Amino acid sequence: MKKQSGSKSRYSPEYKAEAVRLCSVDGRSQNQIAKSLGINQTALNRWVRESQEALTPVSGDVAKRLKQLEEENRILRMEHEILKKAAAFFAKNQS
């Protein structure tokens, strides 16, 4: 149940689910649980986060709005970079 064979060391979905379950029912910290299971704490943290994300599905409206905001954010970042370069250019030419 622990590791699957392959070129990269991987844990079965059942093993990951059990480790995540321990984090929610056991009184110990994730670090302590990871150590007791002999796994990396970063991996356990990622499994817990992925499990939580899977439990909170995004509705169609929310997903659409998220895409709109991500696109707006991308455009604003691009505009910000352009303005920074323009400000540096004009500041250089004023000297």
PDB file of N, CA and C in Angstrom:
ATOM      1  N   MET A   1       0.817  -1.193   0.000  1.00  0.00           N
ATOM      2  CA  MET A   1       0.000   0.000   0.000  1.00  0.00           C
ATOM      3  C   MET A   1       0.857   1.252   0.000  1.00  0.00           C
ATOM      4  N   LYS A   2       2.103   1.150   0.405  1.00  0.00           N
ATOM      5  CA  LYS A   2       2.915   2.342   0.555  1.00  0.00           C
ATOM      6  C   LYS A   2       3.404   2.907  -0.776  1.00  0.00           C
ATOM      7  N   LYS A   3       4.296   2.218  -1.449  1.00  0.00           N
ATOM      8  CA  LYS A   3       4.857   2.761  -2.677  1.00  0.00           C
ATOM      9  C   LYS A   3       4.524   1.868  -3.860  1.00  0.00           C
ATOM     10  N   GLN A   4       4.309   2.508  -5.006  1.00  0.00           N
ATOM     11  CA  GLN A   4       4.104   1.783  -6.240  1.00  0.00           C
ATOM     12  C   GLN A   4       5.442   1.686  -6.949  1.00  0.00           C
ATOM     13  N   SER A   5       5.623   0.633  -7.724  1.00  0.00           N
ATOM     14  CA  SER A   5       6.883   0.518  -8.454  1.00  0.00           C
ATOM     15  C   SER A   5       6.865   1.457  -9.646  1.00  0.00           C
ATOM     16  N   GLY A   6       8.034   1.870 -10.077  1.00  0.00           N
ATOM     17  CA  GLY A   6       8.155   2.792 -11.197  1.00  0.00           C
ATOM     18  C   GLY A   6       9.454   3.545 -11.087  1.00  0.00           C
ATOM     19  N   SER A   7       9.718   4.384 -12.077  1.00  0.00           N
ATOM     20  CA  SER A   7      10.968   5.130 -12.080  1.00  0.00           C
ATOM     21  C   SER A   7      10.997   6.186 -10.977  1.00  0.00           C
ATOM     22  N   LYS A   8       9.830   6.680 -10.595  1.00  0.00           N
ATOM     23  CA  LYS A   8       9.761   7.710  -9.568  1.00  0.00           C
ATOM     24  C   LYS A   8       8.995   7.140  -8.379  1.00  0.00           C
ATOM     25  N   SER A   9       9.449   7.448  -7.185  1.00  0.00           N
ATOM     26  CA  SER A   9       8.797   6.968  -5.979  1.00  0.00           C
ATOM     27  C   SER A   9       7.431   7.638  -5.847  1.00  0.00           C
ATOM     28  N   ARG A  10       6.384   6.853  -5.875  1.00  0.00           N
ATOM     29  CA  ARG A  10       5.030   7.390  -5.783  1.00  0.00           C
ATOM     30  C   ARG A  10       4.245   6.623  -4.737  1.00  0.00           C
ATOM     31  N   TYR A  11       3.263   7.287  -4.182  1.00  0.00           N
ATOM     32  CA  TYR A  11       2.391   6.671  -3.199  1.00  0.00           C
ATOM     33  C   TYR A  11       1.026   6.443  -3.835  1.00  0.00           C
ATOM     34  N   SER A  12       0.376   5.383  -3.432  1.00  0.00           N
ATOM     35  CA  SER A  12      -0.934   5.057  -3.991  1.00  0.00           C
ATOM     36  C   SER A  12      -1.962   6.090  -3.528  1.00  0.00           C
ATOM     37  N   PRO A  13      -3.028   6.249  -4.299  1.00  0.00           N
ATOM     38  CA  PRO A  13      -4.089   7.174  -3.876  1.00  0.00           C
ATOM     39  C   PRO A  13      -4.674   6.799  -2.518  1.00  0.00           C
ATOM     40  N   GLU A  14      -4.754   5.504  -2.243  1.00  0.00           N
ATOM     41  CA  GLU A  14      -5.281   5.056  -0.954  1.00  0.00           C
ATOM     42  C   GLU A  14      -4.373   5.497   0.191  1.00  0.00           C
ATOM     43  N   TYR A  15      -3.071   5.378  -0.038  1.00  0.00           N
ATOM     44  CA  TYR A  15      -2.099   5.774   0.984  1.00  0.00           C
ATOM     45  C   TYR A  15      -2.194   7.271   1.247  1.00  0.00           C
ATOM     46  N   LYS A  16      -2.281   8.057   0.165  1.00  0.00           N
ATOM     47  CA  LYS A  16      -2.399   9.504   0.304  1.00  0.00           C
ATOM     48  C   LYS A  16      -3.679   9.872   1.055  1.00  0.00           C
ATOM     49  N   ALA A  17      -4.776   9.214   0.691  1.00  0.00           N
ATOM     50  CA  ALA A  17      -6.055   9.498   1.346  1.00  0.00           C
ATOM     51  C   ALA A  17      -5.994   9.182   2.833  1.00  0.00           C
ATOM     52  N   GLU A  18      -5.343   8.083   3.177  1.00  0.00           N
ATOM     53  CA  GLU A  18      -5.215   7.710   4.587  1.00  0.00           C
ATOM     54  C   GLU A  18      -4.354   8.729   5.335  1.00  0.00           C
ATOM     55  N   ALA A  19      -3.275   9.199   4.709  1.00  0.00           N
ATOM     56  CA  ALA A  19      -2.408  10.203   5.329  1.00  0.00           C
ATOM     57  C   ALA A  19      -3.182  11.499   5.545  1.00  0.00           C
ATOM     58  N   VAL A  20      -3.980  11.901   4.566  1.00  0.00           N
ATOM     59  CA  VAL A  20      -4.796  13.115   4.681  1.00  0.00           C
ATOM     60  C   VAL A  20      -5.834  12.938   5.779  1.00  0.00           C
ATOM     61  N   ARG A  21      -6.442  11.758   5.844  1.00  0.00           N
ATOM     62  CA  ARG A  21      -7.445  11.481   6.876  1.00  0.00           C
ATOM     63  C   ARG A  21      -6.828  11.604   8.260  1.00  0.00           C
ATOM     64  N   LEU A  22      -5.602  11.096   8.414  1.00  0.00           N
ATOM     65  CA  LEU A  22      -4.918  11.200   9.701  1.00  0.00           C
ATOM     66  C   LEU A  22      -4.756  12.660  10.121  1.00  0.00           C
ATOM     67  N   CYS A  23      -4.508  13.521   9.155  1.00  0.00           N
ATOM     68  CA  CYS A  23      -4.316  14.943   9.464  1.00  0.00           C
ATOM     69  C   CYS A  23      -5.588  15.573  10.018  1.00  0.00           C
ATOM     70  N   SER A  24      -6.735  15.042   9.615  1.00  0.00           N
ATOM     71  CA  SER A  24      -7.981  15.646  10.081  1.00  0.00           C
ATOM     72  C   SER A  24      -8.509  15.016  11.371  1.00  0.00           C
ATOM     73  N   VAL A  25      -8.129  13.771  11.658  1.00  0.00           N
ATOM     74  CA  VAL A  25      -8.681  13.119  12.849  1.00  0.00           C
ATOM     75  C   VAL A  25      -7.660  12.941  13.970  1.00  0.00           C
ATOM     76  N   ASP A  26      -6.392  12.960  13.628  1.00  0.00           N
ATOM     77  CA  ASP A  26      -5.329  12.758  14.611  1.00  0.00           C
ATOM     78  C   ASP A  26      -5.007  14.102  15.256  1.00  0.00           C
ATOM     79  N   GLY A  27      -4.680  14.112  16.507  1.00  0.00           N
ATOM     80  CA  GLY A  27      -4.372  15.350  17.207  1.00  0.00           C
ATOM     81  C   GLY A  27      -2.968  15.877  16.945  1.00  0.00           C
ATOM     82  N   ARG A  28      -2.181  15.120  16.196  1.00  0.00           N
ATOM     83  CA  ARG A  28      -0.795  15.520  15.945  1.00  0.00           C
ATOM     84  C   ARG A  28      -0.702  16.511  14.787  1.00  0.00           C
ATOM     85  N   SER A  29       0.431  17.205  14.719  1.00  0.00           N
ATOM     86  CA  SER A  29       0.659  18.145  13.630  1.00  0.00           C
ATOM     87  C   SER A  29       0.975  17.383  12.342  1.00  0.00           C
ATOM     88  N   GLN A  30       0.869  18.076  11.218  1.00  0.00           N
ATOM     89  CA  GLN A  30       1.199  17.451   9.935  1.00  0.00           C
ATOM     90  C   GLN A  30       2.657  17.021   9.909  1.00  0.00           C
ATOM     91  N   ASN A  31       3.516  17.801  10.542  1.00  0.00           N
ATOM     92  CA  ASN A  31       4.932  17.457  10.594  1.00  0.00           C
ATOM     93  C   ASN A  31       5.133  16.134  11.337  1.00  0.00           C
ATOM     94  N   GLN A  32       4.459  15.984  12.459  1.00  0.00           N
ATOM     95  CA  GLN A  32       4.578  14.750  13.238  1.00  0.00           C
ATOM     96  C   GLN A  32       4.020  13.558  12.469  1.00  0.00           C
ATOM     97  N   ILE A  33       2.906  13.761  11.795  1.00  0.00           N
ATOM     98  CA  ILE A  33       2.305  12.676  11.013  1.00  0.00           C
ATOM     99  C   ILE A  33       3.224  12.283   9.869  1.00  0.00           C
ATOM    100  N   ALA A  34       3.783  13.283   9.185  1.00  0.00           N
ATOM    101  CA  ALA A  34       4.698  12.995   8.069  1.00  0.00           C
ATOM    102  C   ALA A  34       5.901  12.195   8.562  1.00  0.00           C
ATOM    103  N   LYS A  35       6.467  12.599   9.691  1.00  0.00           N
ATOM    104  CA  LYS A  35       7.617  11.880  10.240  1.00  0.00           C
ATOM    105  C   LYS A  35       7.247  10.451  10.601  1.00  0.00           C
ATOM    106  N   SER A  36       6.085  10.265  11.222  1.00  0.00           N
ATOM    107  CA  SER A  36       5.686   8.913  11.637  1.00  0.00           C
ATOM    108  C   SER A  36       5.411   8.016  10.433  1.00  0.00           C
ATOM    109  N   LEU A  37       4.977   8.614   9.321  1.00  0.00           N
ATOM    110  CA  LEU A  37       4.718   7.829   8.113  1.00  0.00           C
ATOM    111  C   LEU A  37       5.966   7.673   7.252  1.00  0.00           C
ATOM    112  N   GLY A  38       7.004   8.431   7.574  1.00  0.00           N
ATOM    113  CA  GLY A  38       8.239   8.362   6.799  1.00  0.00           C
ATOM    114  C   GLY A  38       8.126   9.035   5.442  1.00  0.00           C
ATOM    115  N   ILE A  39       7.315  10.102   5.379  1.00  0.00           N
ATOM    116  CA  ILE A  39       7.167  10.836   4.125  1.00  0.00           C
ATOM    117  C   ILE A  39       7.578  12.286   4.335  1.00  0.00           C
ATOM    118  N   ASN A  40       7.793  12.984   3.244  1.00  0.00           N
ATOM    119  CA  ASN A  40       8.199  14.379   3.275  1.00  0.00           C
ATOM    120  C   ASN A  40       7.009  15.234   3.695  1.00  0.00           C
ATOM    121  N   GLN A  41       7.251  16.182   4.597  1.00  0.00           N
ATOM    122  CA  GLN A  41       6.177  17.047   5.075  1.00  0.00           C
ATOM    123  C   GLN A  41       5.592  17.879   3.940  1.00  0.00           C
ATOM    124  N   THR A  42       6.417  18.296   3.002  1.00  0.00           N
ATOM    125  CA  THR A  42       5.940  19.082   1.863  1.00  0.00           C
ATOM    126  C   THR A  42       4.939  18.277   1.044  1.00  0.00           C
ATOM    127  N   ALA A  43       5.226  17.004   0.851  1.00  0.00           N
ATOM    128  CA  ALA A  43       4.307  16.141   0.103  1.00  0.00           C
ATOM    129  C   ALA A  43       2.980  16.024   0.833  1.00  0.00           C
ATOM    130  N   LEU A  44       3.040  15.801   2.141  1.00  0.00           N
ATOM    131  CA  LEU A  44       1.811  15.682   2.916  1.00  0.00           C
ATOM    132  C   LEU A  44       1.015  16.982   2.864  1.00  0.00           C
ATOM    133  N   ASN A  45       1.684  18.112   2.994  1.00  0.00           N
ATOM    134  CA  ASN A  45       1.002  19.407   2.905  1.00  0.00           C
ATOM    135  C   ASN A  45       0.297  19.553   1.554  1.00  0.00           C
ATOM    136  N   ARG A  46       0.980  19.144   0.481  1.00  0.00           N
ATOM    137  CA  ARG A  46       0.406  19.235  -0.859  1.00  0.00           C
ATOM    138  C   ARG A  46      -0.815  18.320  -0.977  1.00  0.00           C
ATOM    139  N   TRP A  47      -0.724  17.093  -0.434  1.00  0.00           N
ATOM    140  CA  TRP A  47      -1.853  16.168  -0.487  1.00  0.00           C
ATOM    141  C   TRP A  47      -3.059  16.738   0.246  1.00  0.00           C
ATOM    142  N   VAL A  48      -2.824  17.347   1.410  1.00  0.00           N
ATOM    143  CA  VAL A  48      -3.919  17.937   2.185  1.00  0.00           C
ATOM    144  C   VAL A  48      -4.545  19.083   1.401  1.00  0.00           C
ATOM    145  N   ARG A  49      -3.711  19.956   0.824  1.00  0.00           N
ATOM    146  CA  ARG A  49      -4.207  21.091   0.048  1.00  0.00           C
ATOM    147  C   ARG A  49      -5.013  20.615  -1.159  1.00  0.00           C
ATOM    148  N   GLU A  50      -4.483  19.621  -1.883  1.00  0.00           N
ATOM    149  CA  GLU A  50      -5.189  19.091  -3.049  1.00  0.00           C
ATOM    150  C   GLU A  50      -6.516  18.467  -2.641  1.00  0.00           C
ATOM    151  N   SER A  51      -6.532  17.811  -1.507  1.00  0.00           N
ATOM    152  CA  SER A  51      -7.759  17.197  -1.011  1.00  0.00           C
ATOM    153  C   SER A  51      -8.804  18.260  -0.691  1.00  0.00           C
ATOM    154  N   GLN A  52      -8.369  19.347  -0.072  1.00  0.00           N
ATOM    155  CA  GLN A  52      -9.283  20.435   0.267  1.00  0.00           C
ATOM    156  C   GLN A  52      -9.808  21.114  -0.991  1.00  0.00           C
ATOM    157  N   GLU A  53      -8.940  21.293  -1.992  1.00  0.00           N
ATOM    158  CA  GLU A  53      -9.364  21.910  -3.245  1.00  0.00           C
ATOM    159  C   GLU A  53     -10.383  21.031  -3.962  1.00  0.00           C
ATOM    160  N   ALA A  54     -10.199  19.736  -3.883  1.00  0.00           N
ATOM    161  CA  ALA A  54     -11.123  18.805  -4.530  1.00  0.00           C
ATOM    162  C   ALA A  54     -12.493  18.843  -3.867  1.00  0.00           C
ATOM    163  N   LEU A  55     -12.544  19.196  -2.588  1.00  0.00           N
ATOM    164  CA  LEU A  55     -13.802  19.237  -1.863  1.00  0.00           C
ATOM    165  C   LEU A  55     -14.577  20.528  -2.095  1.00  0.00           C
ATOM    166  N   THR A  56     -13.917  21.543  -2.658  1.00  0.00           N
ATOM    167  CA  THR A  56     -14.584  22.819  -2.894  1.00  0.00           C
ATOM    168  C   THR A  56     -14.672  23.060  -4.396  1.00  0.00           C
ATOM    169  N   PRO A  57     -15.664  22.437  -5.049  1.00  0.00           N
ATOM    170  CA  PRO A  57     -15.781  22.621  -6.495  1.00  0.00           C
ATOM    171  C   PRO A  57     -16.159  24.064  -6.833  1.00  0.00           C
ATOM    172  N   VAL A  58     -15.693  24.497  -7.969  1.00  0.00           N
ATOM    173  CA  VAL A  58     -15.966  25.856  -8.428  1.00  0.00           C
ATOM    174  C   VAL A  58     -17.140  25.796  -9.396  1.00  0.00           C
ATOM    175  N   SER A  59     -18.162  26.613  -9.132  1.00  0.00           N
ATOM    176  CA  SER A  59     -19.324  26.631 -10.015  1.00  0.00           C
ATOM    177  C   SER A  59     -18.956  27.302 -11.333  1.00  0.00           C
ATOM    178  N   GLY A  60     -19.802  27.135 -12.315  1.00  0.00           N
ATOM    179  CA  GLY A  60     -19.561  27.713 -13.637  1.00  0.00           C
ATOM    180  C   GLY A  60     -19.403  29.209 -13.601  1.00  0.00           C
ATOM    181  N   ASP A  61     -20.263  29.887 -12.833  1.00  0.00           N
ATOM    182  CA  ASP A  61     -20.202  31.342 -12.739  1.00  0.00           C
ATOM    183  C   ASP A  61     -18.906  31.796 -12.083  1.00  0.00           C
ATOM    184  N   VAL A  62     -18.515  31.095 -11.030  1.00  0.00           N
ATOM    185  CA  VAL A  62     -17.286  31.452 -10.321  1.00  0.00           C
ATOM    186  C   VAL A  62     -16.077  31.195 -11.216  1.00  0.00           C
ATOM    187  N   ALA A  63     -16.087  30.089 -11.935  1.00  0.00           N
ATOM    188  CA  ALA A  63     -14.974  29.769 -12.829  1.00  0.00           C
ATOM    189  C   ALA A  63     -14.861  30.814 -13.937  1.00  0.00           C
ATOM    190  N   LYS A  64     -16.016  31.241 -14.468  1.00  0.00           N
ATOM    191  CA  LYS A  64     -16.017  32.267 -15.522  1.00  0.00           C
ATOM    192  C   LYS A  64     -15.457  33.580 -14.985  1.00  0.00           C
ATOM    193  N   ARG A  65     -15.895  33.967 -13.801  1.00  0.00           N
ATOM    194  CA  ARG A  65     -15.423  35.215 -13.191  1.00  0.00           C
ATOM    195  C   ARG A  65     -13.928  35.135 -12.886  1.00  0.00           C
ATOM    196  N   LEU A  66     -13.487  33.972 -12.423  1.00  0.00           N
ATOM    197  CA  LEU A  66     -12.070  33.778 -12.139  1.00  0.00           C
ATOM    198  C   LEU A  66     -11.236  33.960 -13.401  1.00  0.00           C
ATOM    199  N   LYS A  67     -11.699  33.403 -14.510  1.00  0.00           N
ATOM    200  CA  LYS A  67     -10.978  33.573 -15.777  1.00  0.00           C
ATOM    201  C   LYS A  67     -10.928  35.043 -16.181  1.00  0.00           C
ATOM    202  N   GLN A  68     -12.044  35.754 -15.996  1.00  0.00           N
ATOM    203  CA  GLN A  68     -12.073  37.179 -16.327  1.00  0.00           C
ATOM    204  C   GLN A  68     -11.069  37.952 -15.478  1.00  0.00           C
ATOM    205  N   LEU A  69     -11.033  37.657 -14.191  1.00  0.00           N
ATOM    206  CA  LEU A  69     -10.119  38.355 -13.291  1.00  0.00           C
ATOM    207  C   LEU A  69      -8.659  38.015 -13.602  1.00  0.00           C
ATOM    208  N   GLU A  70      -8.400  36.771 -13.952  1.00  0.00           N
ATOM    209  CA  GLU A  70      -7.030  36.388 -14.321  1.00  0.00           C
ATOM    210  C   GLU A  70      -6.582  37.129 -15.575  1.00  0.00           C
ATOM    211  N   GLU A  71      -7.478  37.268 -16.555  1.00  0.00           N
ATOM    212  CA  GLU A  71      -7.147  37.999 -17.780  1.00  0.00           C
ATOM    213  C   GLU A  71      -6.942  39.484 -17.471  1.00  0.00           C
ATOM    214  N   GLU A  72      -7.812  40.046 -16.654  1.00  0.00           N
ATOM    215  CA  GLU A  72      -7.662  41.447 -16.267  1.00  0.00           C
ATOM    216  C   GLU A  72      -6.340  41.660 -15.529  1.00  0.00           C
ATOM    217  N   ASN A  73      -5.997  40.740 -14.654  1.00  0.00           N
ATOM    218  CA  ASN A  73      -4.745  40.821 -13.916  1.00  0.00           C
ATOM    219  C   ASN A  73      -3.547  40.770 -14.869  1.00  0.00           C
ATOM    220  N   ARG A  74      -3.612  39.884 -15.862  1.00  0.00           N
ATOM    221  CA  ARG A  74      -2.526  39.773 -16.833  1.00  0.00           C
ATOM    222  C   ARG A  74      -2.350  41.090 -17.597  1.00  0.00           C
ATOM    223  N   ILE A  75      -3.459  41.688 -18.015  1.00  0.00           N
ATOM    224  CA  ILE A  75      -3.402  42.950 -18.756  1.00  0.00           C
ATOM    225  C   ILE A  75      -2.856  44.071 -17.871  1.00  0.00           C
ATOM    226  N   LEU A  76      -3.324  44.136 -16.629  1.00  0.00           N
ATOM    227  CA  LEU A  76      -2.844  45.176 -15.719  1.00  0.00           C
ATOM    228  C   LEU A  76      -1.352  45.037 -15.436  1.00  0.00           C
ATOM    229  N   ARG A  77      -0.876  43.803 -15.290  1.00  0.00           N
ATOM    230  CA  ARG A  77       0.556  43.597 -15.076  1.00  0.00           C
ATOM    231  C   ARG A  77       1.364  44.063 -16.289  1.00  0.00           C
ATOM    232  N   MET A  78       0.848  43.770 -17.473  1.00  0.00           N
ATOM    233  CA  MET A  78       1.531  44.191 -18.697  1.00  0.00           C
ATOM    234  C   MET A  78       1.555  45.719 -18.784  1.00  0.00           C
ATOM    235  N   GLU A  79       0.418  46.356 -18.502  1.00  0.00           N
ATOM    236  CA  GLU A  79       0.359  47.818 -18.527  1.00  0.00           C
ATOM    237  C   GLU A  79       1.299  48.418 -17.490  1.00  0.00           C
ATOM    238  N   HIS A  80       1.369  47.812 -16.330  1.00  0.00           N
ATOM    239  CA  HIS A  80       2.258  48.284 -15.270  1.00  0.00           C
ATOM    240  C   HIS A  80       3.712  48.252 -15.736  1.00  0.00           C
ATOM    241  N   GLU A  81       4.104  47.173 -16.384  1.00  0.00           N
ATOM    242  CA  GLU A  81       5.475  47.054 -16.882  1.00  0.00           C
ATOM    243  C   GLU A  81       5.765  48.124 -17.931  1.00  0.00           C
ATOM    244  N   ILE A  82       4.807  48.373 -18.814  1.00  0.00           N
ATOM    245  CA  ILE A  82       4.982  49.401 -19.845  1.00  0.00           C
ATOM    246  C   ILE A  82       5.146  50.771 -19.196  1.00  0.00           C
ATOM    247  N   LEU A  83       4.309  51.079 -18.209  1.00  0.00           N
ATOM    248  CA  LEU A  83       4.395  52.370 -17.523  1.00  0.00           C
ATOM    249  C   LEU A  83       5.717  52.522 -16.760  1.00  0.00           C
ATOM    250  N   LYS A  84       6.191  51.431 -16.163  1.00  0.00           N
ATOM    251  CA  LYS A  84       7.483  51.488 -15.467  1.00  0.00           C
ATOM    252  C   LYS A  84       8.606  51.817 -16.444  1.00  0.00           C
ATOM    253  N   LYS A  85       8.577  51.177 -17.603  1.00  0.00           N
ATOM    254  CA  LYS A  85       9.620  51.428 -18.610  1.00  0.00           C
ATOM    255  C   LYS A  85       9.520  52.849 -19.153  1.00  0.00           C
ATOM    256  N   ALA A  86       8.291  53.328 -19.353  1.00  0.00           N
ATOM    257  CA  ALA A  86       8.103  54.690 -19.854  1.00  0.00           C
ATOM    258  C   ALA A  86       8.596  55.704 -18.824  1.00  0.00           C
ATOM    259  N   ALA A  87       8.289  55.473 -17.551  1.00  0.00           N
ATOM    260  CA  ALA A  87       8.737  56.387 -16.507  1.00  0.00           C
ATOM    261  C   ALA A  87      10.259  56.418 -16.434  1.00  0.00           C
ATOM    262  N   ALA A  88      10.879  55.270 -16.542  1.00  0.00           N
ATOM    263  CA  ALA A  88      12.342  55.212 -16.512  1.00  0.00           C
ATOM    264  C   ALA A  88      12.922  55.934 -17.721  1.00  0.00           C
ATOM    265  N   PHE A  89      12.294  55.764 -18.882  1.00  0.00           N
ATOM    266  CA  PHE A  89      12.766  56.420 -20.106  1.00  0.00           C
ATOM    267  C   PHE A  89      12.697  57.934 -19.971  1.00  0.00           C
ATOM    268  N   PHE A  90      11.547  58.462 -19.505  1.00  0.00           N
ATOM    269  CA  PHE A  90      11.383  59.898 -19.396  1.00  0.00           C
ATOM    270  C   PHE A  90      12.265  60.474 -18.281  1.00  0.00           C
ATOM    271  N   ALA A  91      12.447  59.735 -17.213  1.00  0.00           N
ATOM    272  CA  ALA A  91      13.327  60.203 -16.133  1.00  0.00           C
ATOM    273  C   ALA A  91      14.766  60.281 -16.629  1.00  0.00           C
ATOM    274  N   LYS A  92      15.158  59.351 -17.454  1.00  0.00           N
ATOM    275  CA  LYS A  92      16.523  59.334 -18.005  1.00  0.00           C
ATOM    276  C   LYS A  92      16.732  60.513 -18.957  1.00  0.00           C
ATOM    277  N   ASN A  93      15.719  60.847 -19.750  1.00  0.00           N
ATOM    278  CA  ASN A  93      15.836  61.929 -20.740  1.00  0.00           C
ATOM    279  C   ASN A  93      15.721  63.310 -20.134  1.00  0.00           C
ATOM    280  N   GLN A  94      15.237  63.436 -18.900  1.00  0.00           N
ATOM    281  CA  GLN A  94      15.135  64.735 -18.254  1.00  0.00           C
ATOM    282  C   GLN A  94      16.487  65.183 -17.685  1.00  0.00           C
ATOM    283  N   SER A  95      17.375  64.271 -17.482  1.00  0.00           N
ATOM    284  CA  SER A  95      18.660  64.614 -16.881  1.00  0.00           C
ATOM    285  C   SER A  95      19.553  65.361 -17.825  1.00  0.00           C
TER     286      SER A  95
END
